[in-house]
Amino acid sequence: MKNLEHQTKQGFLFSLAFYIVALLTRLLNLGIFPVLGSLSILLSLLWVILALREIMLSRTISNGERMLMALAIVLLNIIGGIFYFFVWRPRVLGLTKK
């Protein structure tokens, strides 16, 4: 599982950055918003898949926790991702105990 840990975090951070820039272009009524919005959605899909892979392959969390984390990431996307990376991810990777 360790071979994609860095890519998962990078994917999330790029997605977050693109969401922020897309939101700013939308607020400023710039014509590039559809392109940036589409890129942020594609990057979001990438990090969601990588995060779900981490969750499903983890041996340090229970099935109930897996379900909760997966639903939070899929349904809440960026907010769930922030919570995942700062609260849940160390436990998923086995860096901390319950």
PDB file of N, CA and C in Angstrom:
ATOM      1  N   MET A   1       0.818  -1.188   0.000  1.00  0.00           N
ATOM      2  CA  MET A   1       0.000   0.000   0.000  1.00  0.00           C
ATOM      3  C   MET A   1       0.864   1.254   0.000  1.00  0.00           C
ATOM      4  N   LYS A   2       2.074   1.163   0.465  1.00  0.00           N
ATOM      5  CA  LYS A   2       2.919   2.345   0.616  1.00  0.00           C
ATOM      6  C   LYS A   2       3.339   2.961  -0.718  1.00  0.00           C
ATOM      7  N   ASN A   3       3.219   2.224  -1.812  1.00  0.00           N
ATOM      8  CA  ASN A   3       3.713   2.748  -3.076  1.00  0.00           C
ATOM      9  C   ASN A   3       2.855   3.880  -3.645  1.00  0.00           C
ATOM     10  N   LEU A   4       1.624   4.074  -3.181  1.00  0.00           N
ATOM     11  CA  LEU A   4       0.773   5.144  -3.700  1.00  0.00           C
ATOM     12  C   LEU A   4       0.382   6.174  -2.642  1.00  0.00           C
ATOM     13  N   GLU A   5       0.985   6.119  -1.470  1.00  0.00           N
ATOM     14  CA  GLU A   5       0.638   7.057  -0.398  1.00  0.00           C
ATOM     15  C   GLU A   5       0.891   8.501  -0.807  1.00  0.00           C
ATOM     16  N   HIS A   6       2.041   8.758  -1.371  1.00  0.00           N
ATOM     17  CA  HIS A   6       2.401  10.118  -1.755  1.00  0.00           C
ATOM     18  C   HIS A   6       1.489  10.625  -2.880  1.00  0.00           C
ATOM     19  N   GLN A   7       1.170   9.762  -3.847  1.00  0.00           N
ATOM     20  CA  GLN A   7       0.318  10.151  -4.964  1.00  0.00           C
ATOM     21  C   GLN A   7      -1.095  10.475  -4.507  1.00  0.00           C
ATOM     22  N   THR A   8      -1.581   9.779  -3.489  1.00  0.00           N
ATOM     23  CA  THR A   8      -2.914  10.059  -2.964  1.00  0.00           C
ATOM     24  C   THR A   8      -2.960  11.462  -2.375  1.00  0.00           C
ATOM     25  N   LYS A   9      -1.969  11.799  -1.589  1.00  0.00           N
ATOM     26  CA  LYS A   9      -1.933  13.133  -0.992  1.00  0.00           C
ATOM     27  C   LYS A   9      -1.757  14.209  -2.059  1.00  0.00           C
ATOM     28  N   GLN A  10      -0.895  13.965  -3.028  1.00  0.00           N
ATOM     29  CA  GLN A  10      -0.700  14.915  -4.113  1.00  0.00           C
ATOM     30  C   GLN A  10      -1.990  15.114  -4.904  1.00  0.00           C
ATOM     31  N   GLY A  11      -2.681  14.043  -5.202  1.00  0.00           N
ATOM     32  CA  GLY A  11      -3.937  14.139  -5.937  1.00  0.00           C
ATOM     33  C   GLY A  11      -4.954  14.978  -5.192  1.00  0.00           C
ATOM     34  N   PHE A  12      -5.038  14.777  -3.880  1.00  0.00           N
ATOM     35  CA  PHE A  12      -5.971  15.564  -3.075  1.00  0.00           C
ATOM     36  C   PHE A  12      -5.596  17.038  -3.079  1.00  0.00           C
ATOM     37  N   LEU A  13      -4.323  17.335  -2.879  1.00  0.00           N
ATOM     38  CA  LEU A  13      -3.892  18.730  -2.828  1.00  0.00           C
ATOM     39  C   LEU A  13      -4.075  19.435  -4.172  1.00  0.00           C
ATOM     40  N   PHE A  14      -3.779  18.751  -5.271  1.00  0.00           N
ATOM     41  CA  PHE A  14      -4.016  19.337  -6.591  1.00  0.00           C
ATOM     42  C   PHE A  14      -5.507  19.571  -6.820  1.00  0.00           C
ATOM     43  N   SER A  15      -6.315  18.614  -6.428  1.00  0.00           N
ATOM     44  CA  SER A  15      -7.766  18.766  -6.574  1.00  0.00           C
ATOM     45  C   SER A  15      -8.271  19.950  -5.767  1.00  0.00           C
ATOM     46  N   LEU A  16      -7.815  20.072  -4.535  1.00  0.00           N
ATOM     47  CA  LEU A  16      -8.209  21.187  -3.685  1.00  0.00           C
ATOM     48  C   LEU A  16      -7.782  22.523  -4.301  1.00  0.00           C
ATOM     49  N   ALA A  17      -6.564  22.584  -4.811  1.00  0.00           N
ATOM     50  CA  ALA A  17      -6.072  23.813  -5.439  1.00  0.00           C
ATOM     51  C   ALA A  17      -6.904  24.167  -6.669  1.00  0.00           C
ATOM     52  N   PHE A  18      -7.221  23.169  -7.495  1.00  0.00           N
ATOM     53  CA  PHE A  18      -8.027  23.441  -8.679  1.00  0.00           C
ATOM     54  C   PHE A  18      -9.437  23.873  -8.310  1.00  0.00           C
ATOM     55  N   TYR A  19     -10.018  23.287  -7.268  1.00  0.00           N
ATOM     56  CA  TYR A  19     -11.338  23.727  -6.811  1.00  0.00           C
ATOM     57  C   TYR A  19     -11.294  25.191  -6.370  1.00  0.00           C
ATOM     58  N   ILE A  20     -10.265  25.562  -5.643  1.00  0.00           N
ATOM     59  CA  ILE A  20     -10.157  26.946  -5.162  1.00  0.00           C
ATOM     60  C   ILE A  20      -9.990  27.908  -6.337  1.00  0.00           C
ATOM     61  N   VAL A  21      -9.106  27.581  -7.269  1.00  0.00           N
ATOM     62  CA  VAL A  21      -8.883  28.446  -8.426  1.00  0.00           C
ATOM     63  C   VAL A  21     -10.143  28.504  -9.293  1.00  0.00           C
ATOM     64  N   ALA A  22     -10.821  27.370  -9.486  1.00  0.00           N
ATOM     65  CA  ALA A  22     -12.060  27.358 -10.272  1.00  0.00           C
ATOM     66  C   ALA A  22     -13.127  28.222  -9.609  1.00  0.00           C
ATOM     67  N   LEU A  23     -13.212  28.150  -8.298  1.00  0.00           N
ATOM     68  CA  LEU A  23     -14.180  28.981  -7.579  1.00  0.00           C
ATOM     69  C   LEU A  23     -13.862  30.467  -7.739  1.00  0.00           C
ATOM     70  N   LEU A  24     -12.585  30.809  -7.671  1.00  0.00           N
ATOM     71  CA  LEU A  24     -12.183  32.200  -7.859  1.00  0.00           C
ATOM     72  C   LEU A  24     -12.499  32.685  -9.277  1.00  0.00           C
ATOM     73  N   THR A  25     -12.250  31.841 -10.280  1.00  0.00           N
ATOM     74  CA  THR A  25     -12.571  32.246 -11.653  1.00  0.00           C
ATOM     75  C   THR A  25     -14.074  32.386 -11.845  1.00  0.00           C
ATOM     76  N   ARG A  26     -14.842  31.575 -11.136  1.00  0.00           N
ATOM     77  CA  ARG A  26     -16.295  31.697 -11.209  1.00  0.00           C
ATOM     78  C   ARG A  26     -16.768  33.005 -10.571  1.00  0.00           C
ATOM     79  N   LEU A  27     -16.177  33.340  -9.421  1.00  0.00           N
ATOM     80  CA  LEU A  27     -16.539  34.585  -8.741  1.00  0.00           C
ATOM     81  C   LEU A  27     -16.154  35.813  -9.557  1.00  0.00           C
ATOM     82  N   LEU A  28     -15.056  35.713 -10.305  1.00  0.00           N
ATOM     83  CA  LEU A  28     -14.595  36.827 -11.132  1.00  0.00           C
ATOM     84  C   LEU A  28     -15.168  36.800 -12.542  1.00  0.00           C
ATOM     85  N   ASN A  29     -16.067  35.847 -12.804  1.00  0.00           N
ATOM     86  CA  ASN A  29     -16.728  35.695 -14.110  1.00  0.00           C
ATOM     87  C   ASN A  29     -15.741  35.558 -15.265  1.00  0.00           C
ATOM     88  N   LEU A  30     -14.701  34.780 -15.066  1.00  0.00           N
ATOM     89  CA  LEU A  30     -13.736  34.518 -16.130  1.00  0.00           C
ATOM     90  C   LEU A  30     -14.214  33.330 -16.961  1.00  0.00           C
ATOM     91  N   GLY A  31     -13.885  33.342 -18.227  1.00  0.00           N
ATOM     92  CA  GLY A  31     -14.367  32.310 -19.140  1.00  0.00           C
ATOM     93  C   GLY A  31     -13.699  30.965 -18.991  1.00  0.00           C
ATOM     94  N   ILE A  32     -12.651  30.873 -18.201  1.00  0.00           N
ATOM     95  CA  ILE A  32     -11.909  29.632 -18.056  1.00  0.00           C
ATOM     96  C   ILE A  32     -12.515  28.713 -16.983  1.00  0.00           C
ATOM     97  N   PHE A  33     -13.563  29.169 -16.319  1.00  0.00           N
ATOM     98  CA  PHE A  33     -14.174  28.385 -15.246  1.00  0.00           C
ATOM     99  C   PHE A  33     -14.572  26.967 -15.664  1.00  0.00           C
ATOM    100  N   PRO A  34     -15.245  26.768 -16.815  1.00  0.00           N
ATOM    101  CA  PRO A  34     -15.632  25.389 -17.164  1.00  0.00           C
ATOM    102  C   PRO A  34     -14.448  24.428 -17.290  1.00  0.00           C
ATOM    103  N   VAL A  35     -13.346  24.926 -17.811  1.00  0.00           N
ATOM    104  CA  VAL A  35     -12.163  24.075 -17.967  1.00  0.00           C
ATOM    105  C   VAL A  35     -11.584  23.720 -16.597  1.00  0.00           C
ATOM    106  N   LEU A  36     -11.408  24.727 -15.749  1.00  0.00           N
ATOM    107  CA  LEU A  36     -10.852  24.474 -14.420  1.00  0.00           C
ATOM    108  C   LEU A  36     -11.798  23.637 -13.561  1.00  0.00           C
ATOM    109  N   GLY A  37     -13.087  23.869 -13.691  1.00  0.00           N
ATOM    110  CA  GLY A  37     -14.059  23.060 -12.956  1.00  0.00           C
ATOM    111  C   GLY A  37     -13.995  21.603 -13.372  1.00  0.00           C
ATOM    112  N   SER A  38     -13.878  21.364 -14.679  1.00  0.00           N
ATOM    113  CA  SER A  38     -13.774  19.993 -15.179  1.00  0.00           C
ATOM    114  C   SER A  38     -12.490  19.322 -14.715  1.00  0.00           C
ATOM    115  N   LEU A  39     -11.388  20.055 -14.751  1.00  0.00           N
ATOM    116  CA  LEU A  39     -10.119  19.493 -14.275  1.00  0.00           C
ATOM    117  C   LEU A  39     -10.169  19.171 -12.789  1.00  0.00           C
ATOM    118  N   SER A  40     -10.802  20.031 -12.006  1.00  0.00           N
ATOM    119  CA  SER A  40     -10.882  19.766 -10.570  1.00  0.00           C
ATOM    120  C   SER A  40     -11.741  18.534 -10.291  1.00  0.00           C
ATOM    121  N   ILE A  41     -12.784  18.324 -11.066  1.00  0.00           N
ATOM    122  CA  ILE A  41     -13.617  17.127 -10.892  1.00  0.00           C
ATOM    123  C   ILE A  41     -12.839  15.874 -11.267  1.00  0.00           C
ATOM    124  N   LEU A  42     -12.077  15.933 -12.359  1.00  0.00           N
ATOM    125  CA  LEU A  42     -11.266  14.768 -12.753  1.00  0.00           C
ATOM    126  C   LEU A  42     -10.181  14.459 -11.717  1.00  0.00           C
ATOM    127  N   LEU A  43      -9.527  15.481 -11.214  1.00  0.00           N
ATOM    128  CA  LEU A  43      -8.519  15.258 -10.165  1.00  0.00           C
ATOM    129  C   LEU A  43      -9.168  14.728  -8.893  1.00  0.00           C
ATOM    130  N   SER A  44     -10.356  15.192  -8.618  1.00  0.00           N
ATOM    131  CA  SER A  44     -11.085  14.707  -7.446  1.00  0.00           C
ATOM    132  C   SER A  44     -11.405  13.219  -7.591  1.00  0.00           C
ATOM    133  N   LEU A  45     -11.807  12.822  -8.771  1.00  0.00           N
ATOM    134  CA  LEU A  45     -12.090  11.410  -9.028  1.00  0.00           C
ATOM    135  C   LEU A  45     -10.840  10.571  -8.818  1.00  0.00           C
ATOM    136  N   LEU A  46      -9.705  11.073  -9.260  1.00  0.00           N
ATOM    137  CA  LEU A  46      -8.450  10.349  -9.097  1.00  0.00           C
ATOM    138  C   LEU A  46      -8.100  10.148  -7.632  1.00  0.00           C
ATOM    139  N   TRP A  47      -8.137  11.201  -6.829  1.00  0.00           N
ATOM    140  CA  TRP A  47      -7.741  11.035  -5.428  1.00  0.00           C
ATOM    141  C   TRP A  47      -8.770  10.226  -4.654  1.00  0.00           C
ATOM    142  N   VAL A  48     -10.046  10.307  -5.039  1.00  0.00           N
ATOM    143  CA  VAL A  48     -11.057   9.489  -4.364  1.00  0.00           C
ATOM    144  C   VAL A  48     -10.772   8.010  -4.590  1.00  0.00           C
ATOM    145  N   ILE A  49     -10.427   7.649  -5.808  1.00  0.00           N
ATOM    146  CA  ILE A  49     -10.101   6.246  -6.107  1.00  0.00           C
ATOM    147  C   ILE A  49      -8.874   5.803  -5.310  1.00  0.00           C
ATOM    148  N   LEU A  50      -7.847   6.649  -5.260  1.00  0.00           N
ATOM    149  CA  LEU A  50      -6.637   6.294  -4.507  1.00  0.00           C
ATOM    150  C   LEU A  50      -6.917   6.206  -3.005  1.00  0.00           C
ATOM    151  N   ALA A  51      -7.736   7.111  -2.481  1.00  0.00           N
ATOM    152  CA  ALA A  51      -8.066   7.074  -1.051  1.00  0.00           C
ATOM    153  C   ALA A  51      -8.902   5.834  -0.726  1.00  0.00           C
ATOM    154  N   LEU A  52      -9.849   5.495  -1.584  1.00  0.00           N
ATOM    155  CA  LEU A  52     -10.646   4.290  -1.354  1.00  0.00           C
ATOM    156  C   LEU A  52      -9.772   3.044  -1.393  1.00  0.00           C
ATOM    157  N   ARG A  53      -8.774   3.044  -2.257  1.00  0.00           N
ATOM    158  CA  ARG A  53      -7.832   1.919  -2.305  1.00  0.00           C
ATOM    159  C   ARG A  53      -7.090   1.800  -0.981  1.00  0.00           C
ATOM    160  N   GLU A  54      -6.617   2.935  -0.455  1.00  0.00           N
ATOM    161  CA  GLU A  54      -5.927   2.920   0.841  1.00  0.00           C
ATOM    162  C   GLU A  54      -6.829   2.367   1.937  1.00  0.00           C
ATOM    163  N   ILE A  55      -8.064   2.815   1.947  1.00  0.00           N
ATOM    164  CA  ILE A  55      -9.018   2.390   2.984  1.00  0.00           C
ATOM    165  C   ILE A  55      -9.293   0.898   2.886  1.00  0.00           C
ATOM    166  N   MET A  56      -9.542   0.419   1.688  1.00  0.00           N
ATOM    167  CA  MET A  56      -9.901  -0.995   1.515  1.00  0.00           C
ATOM    168  C   MET A  56      -8.736  -1.933   1.798  1.00  0.00           C
ATOM    169  N   LEU A  57      -7.513  -1.498   1.585  1.00  0.00           N
ATOM    170  CA  LEU A  57      -6.350  -2.359   1.822  1.00  0.00           C
ATOM    171  C   LEU A  57      -5.800  -2.255   3.236  1.00  0.00           C
ATOM    172  N   SER A  58      -6.334  -1.326   4.024  1.00  0.00           N
ATOM    173  CA  SER A  58      -5.834  -1.126   5.380  1.00  0.00           C
ATOM    174  C   SER A  58      -6.195  -2.313   6.276  1.00  0.00           C
ATOM    175  N   ARG A  59      -5.254  -2.695   7.112  1.00  0.00           N
ATOM    176  CA  ARG A  59      -5.485  -3.786   8.065  1.00  0.00           C
ATOM    177  C   ARG A  59      -5.666  -3.265   9.486  1.00  0.00           C
ATOM    178  N   THR A  60      -5.661  -1.954   9.649  1.00  0.00           N
ATOM    179  CA  THR A  60      -5.695  -1.382  10.993  1.00  0.00           C
ATOM    180  C   THR A  60      -7.042  -0.788  11.374  1.00  0.00           C
ATOM    181  N   ILE A  61      -8.029  -0.858  10.489  1.00  0.00           N
ATOM    182  CA  ILE A  61      -9.349  -0.301  10.794  1.00  0.00           C
ATOM    183  C   ILE A  61     -10.417  -1.372  10.619  1.00  0.00           C
ATOM    184  N   SER A  62     -11.541  -1.172  11.291  1.00  0.00           N
ATOM    185  CA  SER A  62     -12.631  -2.152  11.210  1.00  0.00           C
ATOM    186  C   SER A  62     -13.475  -1.902   9.958  1.00  0.00           C
ATOM    187  N   ASN A  63     -14.351  -2.842   9.661  1.00  0.00           N
ATOM    188  CA  ASN A  63     -15.221  -2.713   8.492  1.00  0.00           C
ATOM    189  C   ASN A  63     -16.189  -1.540   8.632  1.00  0.00           C
ATOM    190  N   GLY A  64     -16.663  -1.291   9.836  1.00  0.00           N
ATOM    191  CA  GLY A  64     -17.545  -0.151  10.062  1.00  0.00           C
ATOM    192  C   GLY A  64     -16.842   1.168   9.793  1.00  0.00           C
ATOM    193  N   GLU A  65     -15.589   1.257  10.223  1.00  0.00           N
ATOM    194  CA  GLU A  65     -14.805   2.463   9.955  1.00  0.00           C
ATOM    195  C   GLU A  65     -14.541   2.619   8.465  1.00  0.00           C
ATOM    196  N   ARG A  66     -14.289   1.504   7.796  1.00  0.00           N
ATOM    197  CA  ARG A  66     -14.097   1.552   6.340  1.00  0.00           C
ATOM    198  C   ARG A  66     -15.313   2.137   5.653  1.00  0.00           C
ATOM    199  N   MET A  67     -16.490   1.645   6.055  1.00  0.00           N
ATOM    200  CA  MET A  67     -17.730   2.110   5.439  1.00  0.00           C
ATOM    201  C   MET A  67     -17.936   3.603   5.697  1.00  0.00           C
ATOM    202  N   LEU A  68     -17.718   4.041   6.929  1.00  0.00           N
ATOM    203  CA  LEU A  68     -17.892   5.445   7.277  1.00  0.00           C
ATOM    204  C   LEU A  68     -16.926   6.335   6.494  1.00  0.00           C
ATOM    205  N   MET A  69     -15.664   5.930   6.424  1.00  0.00           N
ATOM    206  CA  MET A  69     -14.672   6.718   5.700  1.00  0.00           C
ATOM    207  C   MET A  69     -14.989   6.777   4.214  1.00  0.00           C
ATOM    208  N   ALA A  70     -15.344   5.639   3.635  1.00  0.00           N
ATOM    209  CA  ALA A  70     -15.652   5.605   2.203  1.00  0.00           C
ATOM    210  C   ALA A  70     -16.855   6.491   1.884  1.00  0.00           C
ATOM    211  N   LEU A  71     -17.894   6.416   2.691  1.00  0.00           N
ATOM    212  CA  LEU A  71     -19.073   7.263   2.460  1.00  0.00           C
ATOM    213  C   LEU A  71     -18.735   8.743   2.621  1.00  0.00           C
ATOM    214  N   ALA A  72     -17.950   9.075   3.618  1.00  0.00           N
ATOM    215  CA  ALA A  72     -17.572  10.480   3.829  1.00  0.00           C
ATOM    216  C   ALA A  72     -16.768  11.005   2.647  1.00  0.00           C
ATOM    217  N   ILE A  73     -15.856  10.211   2.138  1.00  0.00           N
ATOM    218  CA  ILE A  73     -15.029  10.656   1.017  1.00  0.00           C
ATOM    219  C   ILE A  73     -15.849  10.787  -0.256  1.00  0.00           C
ATOM    220  N   VAL A  74     -16.708   9.841  -0.517  1.00  0.00           N
ATOM    221  CA  VAL A  74     -17.490   9.871  -1.748  1.00  0.00           C
ATOM    222  C   VAL A  74     -18.564  10.954  -1.696  1.00  0.00           C
ATOM    223  N   LEU A  75     -19.270  11.058  -0.583  1.00  0.00           N
ATOM    224  CA  LEU A  75     -20.395  11.986  -0.509  1.00  0.00           C
ATOM    225  C   LEU A  75     -19.985  13.423  -0.178  1.00  0.00           C
ATOM    226  N   LEU A  76     -18.961  13.593   0.637  1.00  0.00           N
ATOM    227  CA  LEU A  76     -18.568  14.938   1.059  1.00  0.00           C
ATOM    228  C   LEU A  76     -17.327  15.455   0.334  1.00  0.00           C
ATOM    229  N   ASN A  77     -16.752  14.656  -0.518  1.00  0.00           N
ATOM    230  CA  ASN A  77     -15.591  14.945  -1.345  1.00  0.00           C
ATOM    231  C   ASN A  77     -14.533  15.802  -0.665  1.00  0.00           C
ATOM    232  N   ILE A  78     -14.474  17.092  -0.887  1.00  0.00           N
ATOM    233  CA  ILE A  78     -13.379  17.911  -0.371  1.00  0.00           C
ATOM    234  C   ILE A  78     -13.423  17.999   1.154  1.00  0.00           C
ATOM    235  N   ILE A  79     -14.589  18.200   1.729  1.00  0.00           N
ATOM    236  CA  ILE A  79     -14.695  18.269   3.195  1.00  0.00           C
ATOM    237  C   ILE A  79     -14.339  16.919   3.806  1.00  0.00           C
ATOM    238  N   GLY A  80     -14.853  15.850   3.226  1.00  0.00           N
ATOM    239  CA  GLY A  80     -14.499  14.508   3.683  1.00  0.00           C
ATOM    240  C   GLY A  80     -13.020  14.218   3.486  1.00  0.00           C
ATOM    241  N   GLY A  81     -12.446  14.741   2.407  1.00  0.00           N
ATOM    242  CA  GLY A  81     -11.019  14.560   2.148  1.00  0.00           C
ATOM    243  C   GLY A  81     -10.149  15.267   3.160  1.00  0.00           C
ATOM    244  N   ILE A  82     -10.538  16.475   3.513  1.00  0.00           N
ATOM    245  CA  ILE A  82      -9.784  17.209   4.535  1.00  0.00           C
ATOM    246  C   ILE A  82      -9.820  16.443   5.847  1.00  0.00           C
ATOM    247  N   PHE A  83     -11.008  15.969   6.223  1.00  0.00           N
ATOM    248  CA  PHE A  83     -11.155  15.196   7.455  1.00  0.00           C
ATOM    249  C   PHE A  83     -10.343  13.902   7.368  1.00  0.00           C
ATOM    250  N   TYR A  84     -10.387  13.241   6.205  1.00  0.00           N
ATOM    251  CA  TYR A  84      -9.646  11.995   6.017  1.00  0.00           C
ATOM    252  C   TYR A  84      -8.143  12.213   6.184  1.00  0.00           C
ATOM    253  N   PHE A  85      -7.605  13.219   5.526  1.00  0.00           N
ATOM    254  CA  PHE A  85      -6.160  13.414   5.553  1.00  0.00           C
ATOM    255  C   PHE A  85      -5.634  13.881   6.901  1.00  0.00           C
ATOM    256  N   PHE A  86      -6.428  14.641   7.642  1.00  0.00           N
ATOM    257  CA  PHE A  86      -5.921  15.161   8.906  1.00  0.00           C
ATOM    258  C   PHE A  86      -6.318  14.333  10.124  1.00  0.00           C
ATOM    259  N   VAL A  87      -7.381  13.531  10.024  1.00  0.00           N
ATOM    260  CA  VAL A  87      -7.848  12.778  11.190  1.00  0.00           C
ATOM    261  C   VAL A  87      -7.707  11.279  10.984  1.00  0.00           C
ATOM    262  N   TRP A  88      -8.229  10.765   9.891  1.00  0.00           N
ATOM    263  CA  TRP A  88      -8.297   9.312   9.705  1.00  0.00           C
ATOM    264  C   TRP A  88      -7.073   8.685   9.056  1.00  0.00           C
ATOM    265  N   ARG A  89      -6.412   9.365   8.175  1.00  0.00           N
ATOM    266  CA  ARG A  89      -5.359   8.743   7.372  1.00  0.00           C
ATOM    267  C   ARG A  89      -4.221   8.142   8.192  1.00  0.00           C
ATOM    268  N   PRO A  90      -3.750   8.797   9.252  1.00  0.00           N
ATOM    269  CA  PRO A  90      -2.683   8.151  10.038  1.00  0.00           C
ATOM    270  C   PRO A  90      -3.101   6.777  10.579  1.00  0.00           C
ATOM    271  N   ARG A  91      -4.367   6.634  10.975  1.00  0.00           N
ATOM    272  CA  ARG A  91      -4.847   5.329  11.446  1.00  0.00           C
ATOM    273  C   ARG A  91      -4.969   4.343  10.304  1.00  0.00           C
ATOM    274  N   VAL A  92      -5.420   4.802   9.150  1.00  0.00           N
ATOM    275  CA  VAL A  92      -5.561   3.911   7.993  1.00  0.00           C
ATOM    276  C   VAL A  92      -4.197   3.349   7.592  1.00  0.00           C
ATOM    277  N   LEU A  93      -3.188   4.185   7.638  1.00  0.00           N
ATOM    278  CA  LEU A  93      -1.843   3.746   7.252  1.00  0.00           C
ATOM    279  C   LEU A  93      -1.105   3.023   8.372  1.00  0.00           C
ATOM    280  N   GLY A  94      -1.710   2.979   9.559  1.00  0.00           N
ATOM    281  CA  GLY A  94      -1.085   2.282  10.683  1.00  0.00           C
ATOM    282  C   GLY A  94      -0.028   3.108  11.394  1.00  0.00           C
ATOM    283  N   LEU A  95      -0.088   4.424  11.256  1.00  0.00           N
ATOM    284  CA  LEU A  95       0.896   5.290  11.904  1.00  0.00           C
ATOM    285  C   LEU A  95       0.531   5.598  13.356  1.00  0.00           C
ATOM    286  N   THR A  96      -0.757   5.502  13.691  1.00  0.00           N
ATOM    287  CA  THR A  96      -1.211   5.724  15.071  1.00  0.00           C
ATOM    288  C   THR A  96      -2.182   4.620  15.461  1.00  0.00           C
ATOM    289  N   LYS A  97      -2.441   4.511  16.742  1.00  0.00           N
ATOM    290  CA  LYS A  97      -3.413   3.524  17.222  1.00  0.00           C
ATOM    291  C   LYS A  97      -4.755   4.197  17.433  1.00  0.00           C
ATOM    292  N   LYS A  98      -5.788   3.380  17.697  1.00  0.00           N
ATOM    293  CA  LYS A  98      -7.139   3.881  17.895  1.00  0.00           C
ATOM    294  C   LYS A  98      -7.213   4.876  18.973  1.00  0.00           C
TER     295      LYS A  98
END
